[in-house]
């Protein structure tokens, strides 16, 4: 088998296969599990179970001069993996029609008591496309400062979450060493490092989001 050279402008193709029928065998507190019977054309018909997810936003908040920047991390207990997980601020897009950047700003204020003067889209990602429909948009937030007080009351796993700043290089070392595991944080930190302090090529905060069906 020979493998062709792929184009430099390679892109995912958004083309949902026809769903012949759908059922919801499990309705959860936050997410449902759905079962679709899907027409794959020449490949035939398949049945797939997956978690139907509202989507989410996350924030890489930076402070410091380019080349010596620090990233804000929070630690939250994640029961499915039994881990006190170091992450970046993030939250669900569970309010119909909510602007993703506004949701990201809200999460940054609620989880870290911070606001930012400069916002860009950093990276969009599917967390596990074989089993969950989750889309996450990761924003870059710079020119950070203390936010105005909010009436948000932290509860559950968000009570008394540790937060702090870590140099980007130390964060990437921890990820490459296998000490930090959160996929969204890893994607965000490595994307920032790829920018090497030059954020001029990043998309604006209101850039289109065609991979998320609610924002096409």
N, C-alpha and C. Protein backbone atom coordinates (compact mmCIF):
# COMPACT_ATOMS: atom_id res chain seq x y z
N UNK A 1 0.84 -1.19 0.00
CA UNK A 1 0.00 0.00 0.00
C UNK A 1 0.88 1.24 0.00
N UNK A 2 0.56 2.17 -0.86
CA UNK A 2 1.27 3.44 -0.87
C UNK A 2 0.38 4.51 -0.24
N UNK A 3 1.01 5.47 0.39
CA UNK A 3 0.27 6.54 1.07
C UNK A 3 0.56 7.85 0.36
N UNK A 4 -0.47 8.56 -0.09
CA UNK A 4 -0.25 9.80 -0.83
C UNK A 4 0.22 10.92 0.09
N UNK A 5 0.84 11.90 -0.52
CA UNK A 5 1.21 13.12 0.21
C UNK A 5 -0.05 13.93 0.47
N UNK A 6 -0.29 14.29 1.71
CA UNK A 6 -1.49 15.06 2.06
C UNK A 6 -1.25 16.54 1.85
N UNK A 7 -2.30 17.30 1.52
CA UNK A 7 -2.13 18.75 1.30
C UNK A 7 -1.87 19.49 2.59
N UNK A 8 -1.15 20.58 2.49
CA UNK A 8 -0.83 21.38 3.67
C UNK A 8 -2.08 22.00 4.28
N UNK A 9 -3.13 22.23 3.47
CA UNK A 9 -4.35 22.84 3.97
C UNK A 9 -5.40 21.78 4.35
N UNK A 10 -4.93 20.62 4.77
CA UNK A 10 -5.80 19.52 5.18
C UNK A 10 -6.85 19.98 6.19
N UNK A 11 -8.08 19.51 6.05
CA UNK A 11 -9.15 19.91 6.96
C UNK A 11 -10.14 18.76 7.13
N UNK A 12 -10.73 18.67 8.32
CA UNK A 12 -11.82 17.72 8.54
C UNK A 12 -13.00 18.08 7.64
N UNK A 13 -13.79 17.08 7.28
CA UNK A 13 -14.98 17.29 6.46
C UNK A 13 -16.22 17.00 7.31
N UNK A 14 -17.07 17.99 7.46
CA UNK A 14 -18.27 17.85 8.26
C UNK A 14 -19.40 17.34 7.36
N UNK A 15 -19.71 16.06 7.48
CA UNK A 15 -20.68 15.42 6.59
C UNK A 15 -21.36 14.27 7.34
N UNK A 16 -22.31 14.60 8.24
CA UNK A 16 -22.95 13.56 9.03
C UNK A 16 -23.64 12.53 8.14
N UNK A 17 -23.43 11.26 8.46
CA UNK A 17 -24.10 10.18 7.73
C UNK A 17 -25.57 10.13 8.12
N UNK A 18 -26.44 9.69 7.20
CA UNK A 18 -27.87 9.61 7.52
C UNK A 18 -28.15 8.68 8.69
N UNK A 19 -28.96 9.15 9.63
CA UNK A 19 -29.39 8.34 10.77
C UNK A 19 -30.75 7.74 10.44
N UNK A 20 -30.80 6.43 10.37
CA UNK A 20 -32.03 5.74 10.00
C UNK A 20 -33.01 5.68 11.15
N UNK A 21 -32.52 5.51 12.37
CA UNK A 21 -33.36 5.62 13.54
C UNK A 21 -32.49 5.88 14.77
N UNK A 22 -33.11 6.43 15.80
CA UNK A 22 -32.39 6.82 17.02
C UNK A 22 -33.24 6.50 18.23
N UNK A 23 -32.58 6.03 19.27
CA UNK A 23 -33.23 5.82 20.56
C UNK A 23 -32.33 6.35 21.65
N UNK A 24 -32.90 6.54 22.84
CA UNK A 24 -32.13 7.05 23.99
C UNK A 24 -32.28 6.06 25.13
N UNK A 25 -31.39 5.05 25.19
CA UNK A 25 -31.52 4.02 26.23
C UNK A 25 -31.19 4.50 27.63
N UNK A 26 -30.48 5.63 27.73
CA UNK A 26 -30.13 6.14 29.06
C UNK A 26 -30.21 7.65 29.05
N UNK A 27 -30.98 8.21 29.99
CA UNK A 27 -31.08 9.65 30.18
C UNK A 27 -30.42 10.01 31.50
N UNK A 28 -29.32 10.78 31.43
CA UNK A 28 -28.57 11.10 32.63
C UNK A 28 -28.88 12.47 33.18
N UNK A 29 -28.22 12.82 34.28
CA UNK A 29 -28.42 14.12 34.91
C UNK A 29 -27.91 15.25 34.03
N UNK A 30 -26.81 14.98 33.31
CA UNK A 30 -26.21 16.01 32.46
C UNK A 30 -26.23 15.58 31.00
N UNK A 31 -25.86 14.32 30.73
CA UNK A 31 -25.76 13.82 29.36
C UNK A 31 -26.59 12.57 29.19
N UNK A 32 -27.00 12.34 27.94
CA UNK A 32 -27.73 11.13 27.58
C UNK A 32 -26.83 10.22 26.75
N UNK A 33 -27.16 8.93 26.76
CA UNK A 33 -26.55 7.97 25.84
C UNK A 33 -27.58 7.67 24.75
N UNK A 34 -27.19 7.86 23.50
CA UNK A 34 -28.10 7.60 22.39
C UNK A 34 -27.57 6.42 21.56
N UNK A 35 -28.48 5.79 20.88
CA UNK A 35 -28.16 4.71 19.96
C UNK A 35 -28.66 5.09 18.58
N UNK A 36 -27.76 5.19 17.62
CA UNK A 36 -28.11 5.53 16.25
C UNK A 36 -27.86 4.33 15.33
N UNK A 37 -28.78 4.10 14.41
CA UNK A 37 -28.53 3.19 13.30
C UNK A 37 -28.19 4.05 12.10
N UNK A 38 -26.98 3.89 11.58
CA UNK A 38 -26.39 4.84 10.63
C UNK A 38 -26.16 4.17 9.28
N UNK A 39 -26.51 4.91 8.23
CA UNK A 39 -26.30 4.45 6.86
C UNK A 39 -24.94 4.94 6.38
N UNK A 40 -23.99 4.02 6.19
CA UNK A 40 -22.66 4.38 5.71
C UNK A 40 -22.51 4.13 4.21
N UNK A 41 -23.60 4.05 3.51
CA UNK A 41 -23.53 3.88 2.06
C UNK A 41 -22.99 2.51 1.69
N UNK A 42 -21.92 2.51 0.89
CA UNK A 42 -21.33 1.25 0.42
C UNK A 42 -20.83 0.39 1.56
N UNK A 43 -20.52 1.00 2.72
CA UNK A 43 -20.02 0.24 3.87
C UNK A 43 -21.15 -0.42 4.66
N UNK A 44 -22.38 -0.15 4.29
CA UNK A 44 -23.50 -0.79 4.95
C UNK A 44 -24.07 0.03 6.10
N UNK A 45 -24.81 -0.66 6.95
CA UNK A 45 -25.47 -0.03 8.10
C UNK A 45 -24.81 -0.48 9.39
N UNK A 46 -24.57 0.48 10.28
CA UNK A 46 -23.97 0.16 11.58
C UNK A 46 -24.81 0.78 12.68
N UNK A 47 -24.69 0.23 13.89
CA UNK A 47 -25.36 0.78 15.07
C UNK A 47 -24.29 1.24 16.05
N UNK A 48 -24.43 2.48 16.50
CA UNK A 48 -23.42 3.07 17.38
C UNK A 48 -24.08 3.71 18.61
N UNK A 49 -23.51 3.43 19.79
CA UNK A 49 -23.91 4.06 21.03
C UNK A 49 -22.89 5.15 21.36
N UNK A 50 -23.36 6.30 21.84
CA UNK A 50 -22.43 7.36 22.23
C UNK A 50 -23.11 8.33 23.19
N UNK A 51 -22.28 9.10 23.88
CA UNK A 51 -22.77 10.13 24.79
C UNK A 51 -23.06 11.39 23.98
N UNK A 52 -24.28 11.89 24.13
CA UNK A 52 -24.65 13.13 23.45
C UNK A 52 -24.33 14.30 24.37
N UNK A 53 -23.47 15.17 23.91
CA UNK A 53 -22.88 16.22 24.75
C UNK A 53 -23.22 17.60 24.22
N UNK A 54 -23.44 18.55 25.13
CA UNK A 54 -23.80 19.91 24.73
C UNK A 54 -22.63 20.70 24.15
N UNK A 55 -21.41 20.25 24.40
CA UNK A 55 -20.23 21.03 24.04
C UNK A 55 -19.76 21.86 25.22
N UNK A 56 -18.57 22.42 25.10
CA UNK A 56 -17.98 23.14 26.22
C UNK A 56 -16.98 24.18 25.71
N UNK A 57 -16.59 25.04 26.62
CA UNK A 57 -15.52 26.00 26.35
C UNK A 57 -14.46 25.86 27.44
N UNK A 58 -13.25 26.26 27.11
CA UNK A 58 -12.15 26.23 28.08
C UNK A 58 -11.26 27.44 27.82
N UNK A 59 -10.43 27.76 28.80
CA UNK A 59 -9.64 28.99 28.73
C UNK A 59 -8.19 28.73 29.13
N UNK A 60 -7.26 29.04 28.23
CA UNK A 60 -5.86 29.14 28.59
C UNK A 60 -5.62 30.60 28.96
N UNK A 61 -5.52 30.88 30.25
CA UNK A 61 -5.26 32.24 30.74
C UNK A 61 -3.77 32.39 30.99
N UNK A 62 -3.18 33.42 30.38
CA UNK A 62 -1.74 33.65 30.49
C UNK A 62 -1.44 34.96 31.18
N UNK A 63 -0.32 34.98 31.89
CA UNK A 63 0.23 36.24 32.39
C UNK A 63 1.73 36.21 32.14
N UNK A 64 2.33 37.40 32.10
CA UNK A 64 3.78 37.48 31.91
C UNK A 64 4.15 37.88 30.49
N UNK A 65 5.44 38.10 30.30
CA UNK A 65 5.96 38.52 29.02
C UNK A 65 6.12 37.32 28.08
N UNK A 66 5.96 37.55 26.76
CA UNK A 66 6.18 36.46 25.80
C UNK A 66 7.54 35.81 26.00
N UNK A 67 7.55 34.50 26.03
CA UNK A 67 8.77 33.76 26.28
C UNK A 67 8.96 33.38 27.73
N UNK A 68 8.23 34.05 28.63
CA UNK A 68 8.31 33.73 30.06
C UNK A 68 6.92 33.73 30.67
N UNK A 69 5.95 33.24 29.92
CA UNK A 69 4.57 33.30 30.37
C UNK A 69 4.22 32.15 31.31
N UNK A 70 3.20 32.41 32.12
CA UNK A 70 2.66 31.41 33.03
C UNK A 70 1.21 31.15 32.67
N UNK A 71 0.78 29.92 32.91
CA UNK A 71 -0.60 29.52 32.62
C UNK A 71 -1.33 29.26 33.94
N UNK A 72 -2.59 29.64 33.99
CA UNK A 72 -3.40 29.39 35.17
C UNK A 72 -3.94 27.96 35.13
N UNK A 73 -3.74 27.22 36.21
CA UNK A 73 -4.26 25.86 36.32
C UNK A 73 -5.14 25.76 37.56
N UNK A 74 -6.18 24.93 37.47
CA UNK A 74 -7.04 24.64 38.61
C UNK A 74 -7.04 23.13 38.82
N UNK A 75 -7.26 22.71 40.07
CA UNK A 75 -7.31 21.28 40.36
C UNK A 75 -8.71 20.90 40.79
N UNK A 76 -9.27 19.90 40.12
CA UNK A 76 -10.63 19.48 40.40
C UNK A 76 -10.70 17.96 40.44
N UNK A 77 -11.45 17.41 41.39
CA UNK A 77 -11.63 15.97 41.44
C UNK A 77 -12.54 15.51 40.32
N UNK A 78 -12.08 14.50 39.55
CA UNK A 78 -12.86 13.93 38.45
C UNK A 78 -13.11 12.46 38.77
N UNK A 79 -14.34 12.16 39.18
CA UNK A 79 -14.65 10.83 39.69
C UNK A 79 -14.49 9.71 38.67
N UNK A 80 -14.87 9.88 37.38
CA UNK A 80 -14.71 8.76 36.45
C UNK A 80 -13.29 8.21 36.36
N UNK A 81 -12.29 9.07 36.58
CA UNK A 81 -10.90 8.60 36.56
C UNK A 81 -10.28 8.59 37.95
N UNK A 82 -11.05 8.97 38.97
CA UNK A 82 -10.56 8.93 40.35
C UNK A 82 -9.34 9.78 40.58
N UNK A 83 -9.31 10.97 39.98
CA UNK A 83 -8.08 11.78 39.97
C UNK A 83 -8.38 13.22 40.32
N UNK A 84 -7.52 13.82 41.16
CA UNK A 84 -7.52 15.26 41.35
C UNK A 84 -6.72 15.84 40.19
N UNK A 85 -7.43 16.30 39.20
CA UNK A 85 -6.93 16.58 37.86
C UNK A 85 -6.57 18.06 37.74
N UNK A 86 -5.34 18.37 37.32
CA UNK A 86 -4.97 19.75 37.02
C UNK A 86 -5.48 20.09 35.62
N UNK A 87 -6.26 21.16 35.54
CA UNK A 87 -6.96 21.54 34.32
C UNK A 87 -6.81 23.02 34.07
N UNK A 88 -7.43 23.46 32.97
CA UNK A 88 -7.65 24.88 32.73
C UNK A 88 -9.13 25.17 32.98
N UNK A 89 -9.51 26.40 33.29
CA UNK A 89 -10.93 26.69 33.52
C UNK A 89 -11.78 26.27 32.32
N UNK A 90 -12.93 25.67 32.59
CA UNK A 90 -13.77 25.16 31.52
C UNK A 90 -15.19 25.00 32.03
N UNK A 91 -16.13 24.93 31.09
CA UNK A 91 -17.52 24.72 31.47
C UNK A 91 -18.38 24.35 30.29
N UNK A 92 -19.57 23.86 30.59
CA UNK A 92 -20.50 23.39 29.56
C UNK A 92 -21.18 24.54 28.83
N UNK A 93 -21.50 24.30 27.59
CA UNK A 93 -22.37 25.19 26.82
C UNK A 93 -23.80 24.68 26.96
N UNK A 94 -24.34 24.83 28.15
CA UNK A 94 -25.66 24.28 28.44
C UNK A 94 -26.76 25.34 28.49
N UNK A 95 -26.46 26.55 28.00
CA UNK A 95 -27.46 27.60 27.88
C UNK A 95 -27.69 27.81 26.39
N UNK A 96 -28.88 27.53 25.92
CA UNK A 96 -29.17 27.61 24.49
C UNK A 96 -28.86 28.99 23.93
N UNK A 97 -28.08 29.02 22.84
CA UNK A 97 -27.77 30.27 22.17
C UNK A 97 -26.68 31.10 22.81
N UNK A 98 -26.07 30.62 23.89
CA UNK A 98 -25.05 31.42 24.57
C UNK A 98 -23.82 31.58 23.69
N UNK A 99 -23.29 32.80 23.64
CA UNK A 99 -22.08 33.06 22.86
C UNK A 99 -20.90 32.33 23.52
N UNK A 100 -20.12 31.55 22.75
CA UNK A 100 -19.04 30.77 23.37
C UNK A 100 -18.01 31.62 24.11
N UNK A 101 -17.65 32.78 23.56
CA UNK A 101 -16.66 33.60 24.26
C UNK A 101 -17.23 34.16 25.56
N UNK A 102 -18.51 34.52 25.55
CA UNK A 102 -19.14 34.98 26.79
C UNK A 102 -19.17 33.86 27.82
N UNK A 103 -19.43 32.65 27.37
CA UNK A 103 -19.42 31.51 28.29
C UNK A 103 -18.03 31.29 28.87
N UNK A 104 -17.00 31.43 28.03
CA UNK A 104 -15.63 31.26 28.51
C UNK A 104 -15.28 32.33 29.54
N UNK A 105 -15.69 33.57 29.28
CA UNK A 105 -15.42 34.65 30.24
C UNK A 105 -16.14 34.38 31.56
N UNK A 106 -17.35 33.86 31.46
CA UNK A 106 -18.09 33.52 32.69
C UNK A 106 -17.38 32.43 33.48
N UNK A 107 -16.92 31.39 32.80
CA UNK A 107 -16.22 30.31 33.50
C UNK A 107 -14.92 30.80 34.14
N UNK A 108 -14.20 31.68 33.45
CA UNK A 108 -12.96 32.21 34.01
C UNK A 108 -13.24 32.99 35.29
N UNK A 109 -14.33 33.74 35.29
CA UNK A 109 -14.69 34.51 36.49
C UNK A 109 -15.17 33.58 37.61
N UNK A 110 -16.00 32.60 37.27
CA UNK A 110 -16.58 31.74 38.29
C UNK A 110 -15.55 30.79 38.91
N UNK A 111 -14.61 30.30 38.10
CA UNK A 111 -13.67 29.29 38.60
C UNK A 111 -12.36 29.89 39.09
N UNK A 112 -12.00 31.08 38.60
CA UNK A 112 -10.69 31.63 38.95
C UNK A 112 -10.72 33.09 39.38
N UNK A 113 -11.90 33.70 39.41
CA UNK A 113 -12.04 35.11 39.81
C UNK A 113 -11.19 36.02 38.94
N UNK A 114 -11.14 35.72 37.64
CA UNK A 114 -10.34 36.49 36.72
C UNK A 114 -11.17 36.97 35.53
N UNK A 115 -10.74 38.10 34.96
CA UNK A 115 -11.27 38.61 33.69
C UNK A 115 -10.08 38.85 32.78
N UNK A 116 -10.34 39.03 31.50
CA UNK A 116 -9.26 39.22 30.53
C UNK A 116 -9.64 40.32 29.55
N UNK A 117 -8.62 41.07 29.12
CA UNK A 117 -8.85 42.15 28.17
C UNK A 117 -8.64 41.76 26.73
N UNK A 118 -8.04 40.59 26.48
CA UNK A 118 -7.74 40.17 25.12
C UNK A 118 -8.09 38.70 24.96
N UNK A 119 -8.91 38.40 23.95
CA UNK A 119 -9.40 37.04 23.73
C UNK A 119 -9.15 36.62 22.29
N UNK A 120 -8.75 35.36 22.11
CA UNK A 120 -8.64 34.74 20.79
C UNK A 120 -9.11 33.30 20.89
N UNK A 121 -9.53 32.74 19.75
CA UNK A 121 -9.73 31.30 19.67
C UNK A 121 -8.37 30.64 19.52
N UNK A 122 -8.08 29.69 20.39
CA UNK A 122 -6.79 29.01 20.35
C UNK A 122 -6.87 27.72 19.55
N UNK A 123 -7.82 26.85 19.89
CA UNK A 123 -7.94 25.57 19.20
C UNK A 123 -9.33 25.00 19.46
N UNK A 124 -9.87 24.30 18.48
CA UNK A 124 -11.13 23.56 18.63
C UNK A 124 -10.81 22.07 18.61
N UNK A 125 -11.51 21.29 19.44
CA UNK A 125 -11.16 19.87 19.48
C UNK A 125 -12.35 19.00 19.83
N UNK A 126 -12.29 17.75 19.36
CA UNK A 126 -13.19 16.68 19.79
C UNK A 126 -12.44 15.91 20.87
N UNK A 127 -13.07 15.70 22.02
CA UNK A 127 -12.35 15.03 23.10
C UNK A 127 -12.20 13.53 22.87
N UNK A 128 -13.25 12.88 22.36
CA UNK A 128 -13.18 11.44 22.11
C UNK A 128 -14.25 11.11 21.07
N UNK A 129 -13.99 11.40 19.78
CA UNK A 129 -15.05 11.35 18.77
C UNK A 129 -15.59 9.96 18.49
N UNK A 130 -14.95 8.93 18.98
CA UNK A 130 -15.49 7.59 18.80
C UNK A 130 -16.60 7.24 19.78
N UNK A 131 -16.76 8.04 20.86
CA UNK A 131 -17.74 7.66 21.86
C UNK A 131 -18.53 8.80 22.48
N UNK A 132 -18.20 10.06 22.13
CA UNK A 132 -18.90 11.20 22.71
C UNK A 132 -18.91 12.32 21.68
N UNK A 133 -20.01 13.06 21.61
CA UNK A 133 -20.16 14.10 20.59
C UNK A 133 -19.56 15.44 21.04
N UNK A 134 -18.84 15.46 22.14
CA UNK A 134 -18.34 16.71 22.72
C UNK A 134 -17.43 17.49 21.77
N UNK A 135 -17.77 18.75 21.60
CA UNK A 135 -16.91 19.74 20.95
C UNK A 135 -16.44 20.71 22.02
N UNK A 136 -15.17 21.04 22.04
CA UNK A 136 -14.65 22.06 22.96
C UNK A 136 -13.94 23.14 22.16
N UNK A 137 -14.26 24.37 22.47
CA UNK A 137 -13.49 25.51 21.94
C UNK A 137 -12.61 26.05 23.06
N UNK A 138 -11.32 26.07 22.82
CA UNK A 138 -10.36 26.56 23.80
C UNK A 138 -9.96 27.98 23.40
N UNK A 139 -10.16 28.90 24.32
CA UNK A 139 -9.82 30.30 24.09
C UNK A 139 -8.48 30.63 24.76
N UNK A 140 -7.79 31.59 24.18
CA UNK A 140 -6.61 32.18 24.81
C UNK A 140 -7.04 33.51 25.42
N UNK A 141 -6.79 33.69 26.71
CA UNK A 141 -7.13 34.92 27.43
C UNK A 141 -5.85 35.56 27.93
N UNK A 142 -5.64 36.80 27.55
CA UNK A 142 -4.46 37.54 27.99
C UNK A 142 -4.89 38.87 28.60
N UNK A 143 -3.92 39.62 29.13
CA UNK A 143 -4.23 40.85 29.84
C UNK A 143 -5.23 40.56 30.96
N UNK A 144 -4.87 39.59 31.82
CA UNK A 144 -5.79 39.14 32.86
C UNK A 144 -5.71 40.04 34.09
N UNK A 145 -6.82 40.07 34.79
CA UNK A 145 -6.93 40.89 36.01
C UNK A 145 -8.00 40.27 36.89
N UNK A 146 -8.11 40.73 38.10
CA UNK A 146 -9.17 40.26 38.98
C UNK A 146 -10.52 40.66 38.40
N UNK A 147 -11.46 39.75 38.46
CA UNK A 147 -12.79 40.03 37.94
C UNK A 147 -13.65 40.70 39.00
N UNK A 148 -14.73 41.29 38.55
CA UNK A 148 -15.71 41.82 39.48
C UNK A 148 -16.36 40.66 40.23
N UNK A 149 -16.79 40.87 41.47
CA UNK A 149 -17.43 39.79 42.22
C UNK A 149 -18.68 39.28 41.50
N UNK A 150 -18.91 37.97 41.58
CA UNK A 150 -20.11 37.37 41.02
C UNK A 150 -20.91 36.72 42.14
N UNK A 151 -22.16 36.40 41.83
CA UNK A 151 -22.99 35.73 42.83
C UNK A 151 -22.96 34.21 42.66
N UNK A 152 -21.98 33.72 41.87
CA UNK A 152 -21.87 32.29 41.65
C UNK A 152 -21.36 31.61 42.91
N UNK A 153 -22.05 30.54 43.31
CA UNK A 153 -21.66 29.79 44.51
C UNK A 153 -21.11 28.43 44.09
N UNK A 154 -19.84 28.18 44.37
CA UNK A 154 -19.22 26.91 44.02
C UNK A 154 -19.75 25.80 44.91
N UNK A 155 -19.98 24.65 44.28
CA UNK A 155 -20.49 23.51 45.03
C UNK A 155 -19.91 22.23 44.45
N UNK A 156 -20.11 21.13 45.18
CA UNK A 156 -19.60 19.84 44.71
C UNK A 156 -18.09 19.86 44.57
N UNK A 157 -17.61 19.35 43.43
CA UNK A 157 -16.17 19.26 43.19
C UNK A 157 -15.49 20.62 43.07
N UNK A 158 -16.28 21.68 42.88
CA UNK A 158 -15.69 23.01 42.69
C UNK A 158 -15.41 23.74 44.01
N UNK A 159 -15.84 23.17 45.13
CA UNK A 159 -15.61 23.82 46.42
C UNK A 159 -14.12 23.74 46.76
N UNK A 160 -13.53 24.88 47.10
CA UNK A 160 -12.13 24.94 47.55
C UNK A 160 -11.15 24.35 46.53
N UNK A 161 -11.38 24.61 45.25
CA UNK A 161 -10.45 24.13 44.23
C UNK A 161 -9.12 24.88 44.33
N UNK A 162 -7.99 24.17 44.40
CA UNK A 162 -6.70 24.85 44.33
C UNK A 162 -6.51 25.48 42.94
N UNK A 163 -5.93 26.67 42.91
CA UNK A 163 -5.60 27.34 41.65
C UNK A 163 -4.20 27.93 41.77
N UNK A 164 -3.55 28.14 40.64
CA UNK A 164 -2.23 28.75 40.68
C UNK A 164 -1.64 28.90 39.30
N UNK A 165 -0.53 29.62 39.26
CA UNK A 165 0.17 29.89 38.00
C UNK A 165 1.40 28.99 37.89
N UNK A 166 1.64 28.51 36.67
CA UNK A 166 2.78 27.64 36.41
C UNK A 166 3.42 28.08 35.09
N UNK A 167 4.75 28.19 35.03
CA UNK A 167 5.38 28.53 33.75
C UNK A 167 4.95 27.55 32.65
N UNK A 168 4.74 28.07 31.46
CA UNK A 168 4.31 27.22 30.35
C UNK A 168 5.27 26.05 30.13
N UNK A 169 6.56 26.32 30.23
CA UNK A 169 7.53 25.26 30.00
C UNK A 169 7.42 24.17 31.06
N UNK A 170 7.16 24.56 32.31
CA UNK A 170 7.00 23.56 33.38
C UNK A 170 5.72 22.76 33.16
N UNK A 171 4.66 23.43 32.68
CA UNK A 171 3.42 22.71 32.39
C UNK A 171 3.61 21.69 31.28
N UNK A 172 4.31 22.10 30.21
CA UNK A 172 4.53 21.16 29.11
C UNK A 172 5.43 20.01 29.54
N UNK A 173 6.42 20.28 30.38
CA UNK A 173 7.27 19.21 30.90
C UNK A 173 6.45 18.21 31.69
N UNK A 174 5.52 18.71 32.52
CA UNK A 174 4.69 17.82 33.33
C UNK A 174 3.81 16.95 32.46
N UNK A 175 3.33 17.50 31.35
CA UNK A 175 2.50 16.73 30.43
C UNK A 175 3.32 15.67 29.70
N UNK A 176 4.49 16.04 29.22
CA UNK A 176 5.34 15.09 28.50
C UNK A 176 5.89 14.01 29.44
N UNK A 177 6.03 14.36 30.72
CA UNK A 177 6.51 13.38 31.71
C UNK A 177 5.39 12.45 32.19
N UNK A 178 4.15 12.71 31.79
CA UNK A 178 3.03 11.89 32.23
C UNK A 178 2.51 12.24 33.60
N UNK A 179 2.80 13.47 34.08
CA UNK A 179 2.32 13.87 35.40
C UNK A 179 0.99 14.62 35.33
N UNK A 180 0.68 15.22 34.21
CA UNK A 180 -0.61 15.89 33.99
C UNK A 180 -1.28 15.23 32.80
N UNK A 181 -2.61 15.02 32.89
CA UNK A 181 -3.29 14.17 31.92
C UNK A 181 -4.49 14.80 31.24
N UNK A 182 -4.93 15.96 31.66
CA UNK A 182 -6.15 16.53 31.11
C UNK A 182 -5.97 16.90 29.65
N UNK A 183 -6.80 16.30 28.78
CA UNK A 183 -6.62 16.45 27.33
C UNK A 183 -6.79 17.89 26.87
N UNK A 184 -7.77 18.60 27.43
CA UNK A 184 -8.01 19.97 27.00
C UNK A 184 -6.86 20.87 27.41
N UNK A 185 -6.35 20.69 28.62
CA UNK A 185 -5.21 21.48 29.07
C UNK A 185 -3.97 21.18 28.22
N UNK A 186 -3.74 19.91 27.91
CA UNK A 186 -2.59 19.54 27.08
C UNK A 186 -2.69 20.20 25.71
N UNK A 187 -3.86 20.12 25.08
CA UNK A 187 -4.04 20.73 23.77
C UNK A 187 -3.81 22.23 23.83
N UNK A 188 -4.36 22.87 24.86
CA UNK A 188 -4.22 24.32 24.97
C UNK A 188 -2.80 24.77 25.20
N UNK A 189 -2.12 24.11 26.14
CA UNK A 189 -0.74 24.50 26.45
C UNK A 189 0.18 24.28 25.25
N UNK A 190 0.05 23.12 24.59
CA UNK A 190 0.93 22.86 23.45
C UNK A 190 0.62 23.79 22.28
N UNK A 191 -0.65 24.18 22.12
CA UNK A 191 -0.99 25.14 21.06
C UNK A 191 -0.36 26.50 21.36
N UNK A 192 -0.40 26.93 22.61
CA UNK A 192 0.23 28.21 22.98
C UNK A 192 1.74 28.15 22.72
N UNK A 193 2.36 27.06 23.11
CA UNK A 193 3.80 26.94 22.88
C UNK A 193 4.13 26.96 21.39
N UNK A 194 3.25 26.39 20.56
CA UNK A 194 3.46 26.43 19.11
C UNK A 194 3.45 27.86 18.60
N UNK A 195 2.68 28.73 19.25
CA UNK A 195 2.64 30.14 18.83
C UNK A 195 3.94 30.86 19.12
N UNK A 196 4.70 30.37 20.08
CA UNK A 196 6.01 30.95 20.42
C UNK A 196 5.93 32.46 20.66
N UNK A 197 4.87 32.88 21.35
CA UNK A 197 4.73 34.28 21.70
C UNK A 197 4.12 35.17 20.63
N UNK A 198 3.88 34.63 19.44
CA UNK A 198 3.28 35.40 18.35
C UNK A 198 1.84 34.91 18.17
N UNK A 199 0.88 35.70 18.63
CA UNK A 199 -0.51 35.30 18.57
C UNK A 199 -1.27 35.97 17.43
N UNK A 200 -0.54 36.56 16.50
CA UNK A 200 -1.17 37.30 15.41
C UNK A 200 -1.93 36.39 14.46
N UNK A 201 -1.57 35.12 14.38
CA UNK A 201 -2.25 34.22 13.44
C UNK A 201 -3.49 33.58 14.02
N UNK A 202 -3.74 33.77 15.31
CA UNK A 202 -4.90 33.15 15.94
C UNK A 202 -6.20 33.77 15.44
N UNK A 203 -7.26 32.97 15.47
CA UNK A 203 -8.57 33.45 15.04
C UNK A 203 -9.17 34.39 16.09
N UNK A 204 -10.03 35.32 15.65
CA UNK A 204 -10.69 36.20 16.63
C UNK A 204 -11.64 35.42 17.52
N UNK A 205 -12.01 36.02 18.64
CA UNK A 205 -12.83 35.32 19.62
C UNK A 205 -14.20 34.95 19.09
N UNK A 206 -14.68 35.66 18.06
CA UNK A 206 -16.00 35.35 17.49
C UNK A 206 -15.90 34.58 16.18
N UNK A 207 -14.79 33.87 15.96
CA UNK A 207 -14.59 33.11 14.73
C UNK A 207 -15.67 32.05 14.58
N UNK A 208 -16.07 31.72 13.34
CA UNK A 208 -17.05 30.64 13.13
C UNK A 208 -16.59 29.34 13.76
N UNK A 209 -17.58 28.51 14.11
CA UNK A 209 -17.30 27.23 14.76
C UNK A 209 -18.11 26.14 14.05
N UNK A 210 -17.75 25.80 12.84
CA UNK A 210 -18.59 24.89 12.06
C UNK A 210 -18.63 23.47 12.57
N UNK A 211 -17.66 23.04 13.35
CA UNK A 211 -17.67 21.65 13.85
C UNK A 211 -18.72 21.42 14.92
N UNK A 212 -19.21 22.49 15.55
CA UNK A 212 -20.25 22.35 16.58
C UNK A 212 -21.60 22.57 15.93
N UNK A 213 -22.48 21.57 15.95
CA UNK A 213 -23.75 21.71 15.23
C UNK A 213 -24.62 22.87 15.69
N UNK A 214 -24.47 23.31 16.94
CA UNK A 214 -25.29 24.42 17.43
C UNK A 214 -24.78 25.78 16.97
N UNK A 215 -23.58 25.82 16.39
CA UNK A 215 -22.99 27.11 16.00
C UNK A 215 -22.64 27.17 14.51
N UNK A 216 -23.15 26.24 13.72
CA UNK A 216 -22.90 26.27 12.28
C UNK A 216 -23.67 27.40 11.62
